[in-house]
């Protein structure tokens, strides 16, 4: 069985290029990792334009800190910039302008691939989670961060990550119509007993 560390080392994207000038290394990093950063930003905010702004900010701050982070894990640094910038925006405005689920990308894909449809359905469901739960679910499950890493990225406790993830997943199951069949059966049994007592 291959360990997680070995799998990461085999991933060519995880290799930090140490040749060339710092500007050339940053350019290569930005070109290779921007699509992933865009995906993270979109999942956190649900808006293509705001996601592009977050990625631009992350790349700018990563470039300024390149001497410090360039030889380590610049992707983790950029990802954290996106998460904290999204939190800062919410704190500054104290409101989140949500896009109506009907205004998100169309529910059916033109080429009929199930992957695109499933992804779209998931994004729509994520938009219905409270902001804090959405951040936790995205970092914890879509980006495969540990509870500790998620807590560090968001500046919250591990316990808050656990409870937020649990509530977020329950809400996603409810929105996606994939709740626990046992709970549905229990609810139906309770309803039947109440109706029988009437």
C-alpha atoms as a PDB file:
ATOM      1  CA  UNK A   1       0.000   0.000   0.000  1.00  0.00           C
ATOM      2  CA  UNK A   2       1.389   3.396  -0.984  1.00  0.00           C
ATOM      3  CA  UNK A   3       1.439   6.050   1.727  1.00  0.00           C
ATOM      4  CA  UNK A   4      -0.155   9.454   1.170  1.00  0.00           C
ATOM      5  CA  UNK A   5       3.275  11.091   1.247  1.00  0.00           C
ATOM      6  CA  UNK A   6       4.551   8.766  -1.476  1.00  0.00           C
ATOM      7  CA  UNK A   7       1.488   9.478  -3.610  1.00  0.00           C
ATOM      8  CA  UNK A   8       2.064  13.221  -3.260  1.00  0.00           C
ATOM      9  CA  UNK A   9       5.716  12.872  -4.234  1.00  0.00           C
ATOM     10  CA  UNK A  10       4.727  10.925  -7.353  1.00  0.00           C
ATOM     11  CA  UNK A  11       2.366  13.718  -8.404  1.00  0.00           C
ATOM     12  CA  UNK A  12       4.310  15.929 -10.871  1.00  0.00           C
ATOM     13  CA  UNK A  13       2.282  18.963  -9.762  1.00  0.00           C
ATOM     14  CA  UNK A  14       3.671  18.625  -6.239  1.00  0.00           C
ATOM     15  CA  UNK A  15       7.261  19.046  -7.413  1.00  0.00           C
ATOM     16  CA  UNK A  16       8.727  22.454  -6.655  1.00  0.00           C
ATOM     17  CA  UNK A  17      10.930  23.661  -9.486  1.00  0.00           C
ATOM     18  CA  UNK A  18      14.204  25.010  -8.084  1.00  0.00           C
ATOM     19  CA  UNK A  19      15.885  26.001 -11.345  1.00  0.00           C
ATOM     20  CA  UNK A  20      15.563  29.332 -13.117  1.00  0.00           C
ATOM     21  CA  UNK A  21      14.969  32.783 -11.715  1.00  0.00           C
ATOM     22  CA  UNK A  22      12.337  33.341  -9.040  1.00  0.00           C
ATOM     23  CA  UNK A  23      10.163  35.099 -11.627  1.00  0.00           C
ATOM     24  CA  UNK A  24      10.387  32.106 -13.990  1.00  0.00           C
ATOM     25  CA  UNK A  25       9.546  29.692 -11.176  1.00  0.00           C
ATOM     26  CA  UNK A  26       6.566  31.779 -10.123  1.00  0.00           C
ATOM     27  CA  UNK A  27       5.356  32.016 -13.730  1.00  0.00           C
ATOM     28  CA  UNK A  28       5.492  28.230 -14.041  1.00  0.00           C
ATOM     29  CA  UNK A  29       3.638  27.849 -10.731  1.00  0.00           C
ATOM     30  CA  UNK A  30       0.940  30.352 -11.748  1.00  0.00           C
ATOM     31  CA  UNK A  31       0.432  28.673 -15.130  1.00  0.00           C
ATOM     32  CA  UNK A  32       0.221  25.153 -13.705  1.00  0.00           C
ATOM     33  CA  UNK A  33      -1.866  25.780 -10.583  1.00  0.00           C
ATOM     34  CA  UNK A  34      -4.235  28.606 -11.622  1.00  0.00           C
ATOM     35  CA  UNK A  35      -6.978  26.192 -12.798  1.00  0.00           C
ATOM     36  CA  UNK A  36      -7.030  24.482  -9.388  1.00  0.00           C
ATOM     37  CA  UNK A  37      -7.007  27.819  -7.575  1.00  0.00           C
ATOM     38  CA  UNK A  38      -9.902  28.987  -9.767  1.00  0.00           C
ATOM     39  CA  UNK A  39     -11.886  25.870  -8.881  1.00  0.00           C
ATOM     40  CA  UNK A  40     -11.308  26.413  -5.162  1.00  0.00           C
ATOM     41  CA  UNK A  41     -12.291  30.081  -5.394  1.00  0.00           C
ATOM     42  CA  UNK A  42     -15.441  29.279  -7.371  1.00  0.00           C
ATOM     43  CA  UNK A  43     -16.517  26.621  -4.895  1.00  0.00           C
ATOM     44  CA  UNK A  44     -16.032  29.061  -2.021  1.00  0.00           C
ATOM     45  CA  UNK A  45     -17.924  31.983  -3.529  1.00  0.00           C
ATOM     46  CA  UNK A  46     -20.085  30.565  -6.345  1.00  0.00           C
ATOM     47  CA  UNK A  47     -19.399  33.489  -8.683  1.00  0.00           C
ATOM     48  CA  UNK A  48     -17.010  33.307 -11.646  1.00  0.00           C
ATOM     49  CA  UNK A  49     -16.021  36.977 -11.470  1.00  0.00           C
ATOM     50  CA  UNK A  50     -15.404  37.035  -7.733  1.00  0.00           C
ATOM     51  CA  UNK A  51     -13.466  33.775  -8.075  1.00  0.00           C
ATOM     52  CA  UNK A  52     -11.215  35.370 -10.720  1.00  0.00           C
ATOM     53  CA  UNK A  53     -10.579  38.306  -8.377  1.00  0.00           C
ATOM     54  CA  UNK A  54      -9.677  35.936  -5.541  1.00  0.00           C
ATOM     55  CA  UNK A  55      -7.241  34.007  -7.749  1.00  0.00           C
ATOM     56  CA  UNK A  56      -5.626  37.234  -8.943  1.00  0.00           C
ATOM     57  CA  UNK A  57      -5.203  38.383  -5.333  1.00  0.00           C
ATOM     58  CA  UNK A  58      -3.769  35.000  -4.328  1.00  0.00           C
ATOM     59  CA  UNK A  59      -1.243  35.046  -7.167  1.00  0.00           C
ATOM     60  CA  UNK A  60      -0.244  38.625  -6.372  1.00  0.00           C
ATOM     61  CA  UNK A  61       0.342  37.869  -2.690  1.00  0.00           C
ATOM     62  CA  UNK A  62       2.127  34.608  -3.501  1.00  0.00           C
ATOM     63  CA  UNK A  63       4.465  36.463  -5.858  1.00  0.00           C
ATOM     64  CA  UNK A  64       5.266  39.052  -3.181  1.00  0.00           C
ATOM     65  CA  UNK A  65       6.004  36.250  -0.694  1.00  0.00           C
ATOM     66  CA  UNK A  66       7.809  34.043  -3.226  1.00  0.00           C
ATOM     67  CA  UNK A  67      11.219  34.315  -1.506  1.00  0.00           C
ATOM     68  CA  UNK A  68       9.584  32.884   1.611  1.00  0.00           C
ATOM     69  CA  UNK A  69       7.204  30.298   0.123  1.00  0.00           C
ATOM     70  CA  UNK A  70       8.683  29.487  -3.289  1.00  0.00           C
ATOM     71  CA  UNK A  71      10.849  26.622  -2.033  1.00  0.00           C
ATOM     72  CA  UNK A  72       8.124  25.200   0.218  1.00  0.00           C
ATOM     73  CA  UNK A  73       4.470  24.800  -0.720  1.00  0.00           C
ATOM     74  CA  UNK A  74       3.344  27.897  -2.640  1.00  0.00           C
ATOM     75  CA  UNK A  75       0.033  26.218  -3.550  1.00  0.00           C
ATOM     76  CA  UNK A  76      -0.906  25.884   0.137  1.00  0.00           C
ATOM     77  CA  UNK A  77      -0.026  29.551   0.655  1.00  0.00           C
ATOM     78  CA  UNK A  78      -2.125  30.665  -2.341  1.00  0.00           C
ATOM     79  CA  UNK A  79      -5.030  28.454  -1.241  1.00  0.00           C
ATOM     80  CA  UNK A  80      -4.943  29.993   2.229  1.00  0.00           C
ATOM     81  CA  UNK A  81      -4.899  33.502   0.712  1.00  0.00           C
ATOM     82  CA  UNK A  82      -8.089  32.636  -1.213  1.00  0.00           C
ATOM     83  CA  UNK A  83      -9.826  31.262   1.881  1.00  0.00           C
ATOM     84  CA  UNK A  84      -8.872  34.194   4.123  1.00  0.00           C
ATOM     85  CA  UNK A  85      -9.668  36.790   1.455  1.00  0.00           C
ATOM     86  CA  UNK A  86     -13.123  35.261   1.046  1.00  0.00           C
ATOM     87  CA  UNK A  87     -13.644  35.355   4.805  1.00  0.00           C
ATOM     88  CA  UNK A  88     -12.401  38.966   4.974  1.00  0.00           C
ATOM     89  CA  UNK A  89     -14.841  40.017   2.241  1.00  0.00           C
ATOM     90  CA  UNK A  90     -17.718  38.477   4.136  1.00  0.00           C
ATOM     91  CA  UNK A  91     -16.641  40.071   7.422  1.00  0.00           C
ATOM     92  CA  UNK A  92     -16.258  43.483   5.798  1.00  0.00           C
ATOM     93  CA  UNK A  93     -19.698  43.505   4.199  1.00  0.00           C
ATOM     94  CA  UNK A  94     -21.458  41.307   6.808  1.00  0.00           C
ATOM     95  CA  UNK A  95     -23.575  39.904   4.023  1.00  0.00           C
ATOM     96  CA  UNK A  96     -23.191  37.511   1.160  1.00  0.00           C
ATOM     97  CA  UNK A  97     -24.903  38.212  -2.141  1.00  0.00           C
ATOM     98  CA  UNK A  98     -26.020  34.737  -3.117  1.00  0.00           C
ATOM     99  CA  UNK A  99     -26.693  33.763  -6.668  1.00  0.00           C
ATOM    100  CA  UNK A 100     -30.052  32.059  -7.044  1.00  0.00           C
ATOM    101  CA  UNK A 101     -29.624  28.357  -7.864  1.00  0.00           C
ATOM    102  CA  UNK A 102     -31.540  28.929 -11.121  1.00  0.00           C
ATOM    103  CA  UNK A 103     -28.964  31.568 -12.168  1.00  0.00           C
ATOM    104  CA  UNK A 104     -26.003  29.248 -11.749  1.00  0.00           C
ATOM    105  CA  UNK A 105     -24.610  27.346 -14.681  1.00  0.00           C
ATOM    106  CA  UNK A 106     -27.232  25.335 -16.590  1.00  0.00           C
ATOM    107  CA  UNK A 107     -28.241  22.025 -15.018  1.00  0.00           C
ATOM    108  CA  UNK A 108     -27.728  19.970 -18.153  1.00  0.00           C
ATOM    109  CA  UNK A 109     -24.535  19.658 -20.113  1.00  0.00           C
ATOM    110  CA  UNK A 110     -24.629  20.047 -23.875  1.00  0.00           C
ATOM    111  CA  UNK A 111     -22.529  16.917 -24.434  1.00  0.00           C
ATOM    112  CA  UNK A 112     -24.535  14.899 -21.893  1.00  0.00           C
ATOM    113  CA  UNK A 113     -21.621  13.884 -19.693  1.00  0.00           C
ATOM    114  CA  UNK A 114     -22.743  12.887 -16.236  1.00  0.00           C
ATOM    115  CA  UNK A 115     -19.583  14.304 -14.668  1.00  0.00           C
ATOM    116  CA  UNK A 116     -20.474  17.867 -15.601  1.00  0.00           C
ATOM    117  CA  UNK A 117     -24.074  17.436 -14.474  1.00  0.00           C
ATOM    118  CA  UNK A 118     -22.972  15.989 -11.114  1.00  0.00           C
ATOM    119  CA  UNK A 119     -20.467  18.789 -10.566  1.00  0.00           C
ATOM    120  CA  UNK A 120     -23.094  21.394 -11.356  1.00  0.00           C
ATOM    121  CA  UNK A 121     -25.567  19.765  -8.977  1.00  0.00           C
ATOM    122  CA  UNK A 122     -22.929  19.747  -6.236  1.00  0.00           C
ATOM    123  CA  UNK A 123     -22.074  23.429  -6.762  1.00  0.00           C
ATOM    124  CA  UNK A 124     -25.751  24.346  -6.578  1.00  0.00           C
ATOM    125  CA  UNK A 125     -26.106  22.356  -3.364  1.00  0.00           C
ATOM    126  CA  UNK A 126     -22.974  23.957  -1.884  1.00  0.00           C
ATOM    127  CA  UNK A 127     -24.433  27.410  -2.553  1.00  0.00           C
ATOM    128  CA  UNK A 128     -27.318  26.531  -0.234  1.00  0.00           C
ATOM    129  CA  UNK A 129     -25.021  25.856   2.730  1.00  0.00           C
ATOM    130  CA  UNK A 130     -24.248  28.623   5.212  1.00  0.00           C
ATOM    131  CA  UNK A 131     -20.935  30.300   4.364  1.00  0.00           C
ATOM    132  CA  UNK A 132     -18.964  28.738   7.220  1.00  0.00           C
ATOM    133  CA  UNK A 133     -20.180  25.218   6.516  1.00  0.00           C
ATOM    134  CA  UNK A 134     -19.484  25.642   2.798  1.00  0.00           C
ATOM    135  CA  UNK A 135     -15.875  26.656   3.490  1.00  0.00           C
ATOM    136  CA  UNK A 136     -15.351  23.680   5.793  1.00  0.00           C
ATOM    137  CA  UNK A 137     -16.913  21.169   3.380  1.00  0.00           C
ATOM    138  CA  UNK A 138     -14.924  22.492   0.406  1.00  0.00           C
ATOM    139  CA  UNK A 139     -11.588  22.440   2.210  1.00  0.00           C
ATOM    140  CA  UNK A 140     -12.202  19.200   4.103  1.00  0.00           C
ATOM    141  CA  UNK A 141     -13.772  17.004   1.444  1.00  0.00           C
ATOM    142  CA  UNK A 142     -13.268  18.538  -1.987  1.00  0.00           C
ATOM    143  CA  UNK A 143      -9.640  19.495  -1.333  1.00  0.00           C
ATOM    144  CA  UNK A 144      -8.885  16.538   0.969  1.00  0.00           C
ATOM    145  CA  UNK A 145      -7.551  18.675   3.816  1.00  0.00           C
ATOM    146  CA  UNK A 146      -7.299  17.122   7.261  1.00  0.00           C
ATOM    147  CA  UNK A 147      -9.394  18.489  10.109  1.00  0.00           C
ATOM    148  CA  UNK A 148      -6.304  20.174  11.538  1.00  0.00           C
ATOM    149  CA  UNK A 149      -5.295  21.715   8.188  1.00  0.00           C
ATOM    150  CA  UNK A 150      -8.850  22.945   7.616  1.00  0.00           C
ATOM    151  CA  UNK A 151      -8.916  24.498  11.087  1.00  0.00           C
ATOM    152  CA  UNK A 152      -5.586  26.229  10.447  1.00  0.00           C
ATOM    153  CA  UNK A 153      -6.668  27.511   7.026  1.00  0.00           C
ATOM    154  CA  UNK A 154      -9.889  28.966   8.417  1.00  0.00           C
ATOM    155  CA  UNK A 155      -8.525  30.069  11.792  1.00  0.00           C
ATOM    156  CA  UNK A 156     -11.043  28.018  13.789  1.00  0.00           C
ATOM    157  CA  UNK A 157     -10.856  25.090  16.198  1.00  0.00           C
ATOM    158  CA  UNK A 158     -10.766  21.443  15.135  1.00  0.00           C
ATOM    159  CA  UNK A 159     -14.046  20.937  17.010  1.00  0.00           C
ATOM    160  CA  UNK A 160     -15.675  23.668  14.917  1.00  0.00           C
ATOM    161  CA  UNK A 161     -14.427  21.898  11.785  1.00  0.00           C
ATOM    162  CA  UNK A 162     -15.913  18.586  12.949  1.00  0.00           C
ATOM    163  CA  UNK A 163     -19.325  20.022  13.810  1.00  0.00           C
ATOM    164  CA  UNK A 164     -19.414  22.264  10.713  1.00  0.00           C
ATOM    165  CA  UNK A 165     -18.492  19.359   8.459  1.00  0.00           C
ATOM    166  CA  UNK A 166     -21.124  17.114  10.022  1.00  0.00           C
ATOM    167  CA  UNK A 167     -23.868  19.717   9.693  1.00  0.00           C
ATOM    168  CA  UNK A 168     -22.742  20.645   6.184  1.00  0.00           C
ATOM    169  CA  UNK A 169     -22.814  17.045   4.978  1.00  0.00           C
ATOM    170  CA  UNK A 170     -26.240  16.500   6.544  1.00  0.00           C
ATOM    171  CA  UNK A 171     -27.543  19.594   4.765  1.00  0.00           C
ATOM    172  CA  UNK A 172     -25.985  18.484   1.448  1.00  0.00           C
ATOM    173  CA  UNK A 173     -27.664  15.074   1.762  1.00  0.00           C
ATOM    174  CA  UNK A 174     -30.957  16.813   2.410  1.00  0.00           C
ATOM    175  CA  UNK A 175     -30.560  19.210  -0.543  1.00  0.00           C
ATOM    176  CA  UNK A 176     -29.408  16.473  -2.897  1.00  0.00           C
ATOM    177  CA  UNK A 177     -32.201  14.154  -1.734  1.00  0.00           C
ATOM    178  CA  UNK A 178     -29.768  11.530  -0.493  1.00  0.00           C
ATOM    179  CA  UNK A 179     -30.674  11.446   3.184  1.00  0.00           C
ATOM    180  CA  UNK A 180     -30.264   8.427   5.403  1.00  0.00           C
ATOM    181  CA  UNK A 181     -33.086   6.026   4.446  1.00  0.00           C
ATOM    182  CA  UNK A 182     -33.334   4.875   8.072  1.00  0.00           C
ATOM    183  CA  UNK A 183     -34.181   8.410   9.220  1.00  0.00           C
ATOM    184  CA  UNK A 184     -36.821   8.708   6.469  1.00  0.00           C
ATOM    185  CA  UNK A 185     -38.346   5.407   7.578  1.00  0.00           C
ATOM    186  CA  UNK A 186     -38.324   6.495  11.216  1.00  0.00           C
ATOM    187  CA  UNK A 187     -40.029   9.773  10.246  1.00  0.00           C
ATOM    188  CA  UNK A 188     -42.671   7.919   8.224  1.00  0.00           C
ATOM    189  CA  UNK A 189     -43.311   5.496  11.124  1.00  0.00           C
ATOM    190  CA  UNK A 190     -43.722   8.396  13.563  1.00  0.00           C
ATOM    191  CA  UNK A 191     -46.104  10.180  11.174  1.00  0.00           C
ATOM    192  CA  UNK A 192     -48.146   6.973  10.693  1.00  0.00           C
ATOM    193  CA  UNK A 193     -48.431   6.486  14.488  1.00  0.00           C
ATOM    194  CA  UNK A 194     -49.567  10.102  14.967  1.00  0.00           C
ATOM    195  CA  UNK A 195     -52.163   9.766  12.235  1.00  0.00           C
ATOM    196  CA  UNK A 196     -53.412   6.471  13.737  1.00  0.00           C
ATOM    197  CA  UNK A 197     -53.850   8.142  17.130  1.00  0.00           C
ATOM    198  CA  UNK A 198     -56.091  10.837  15.677  1.00  0.00           C
END
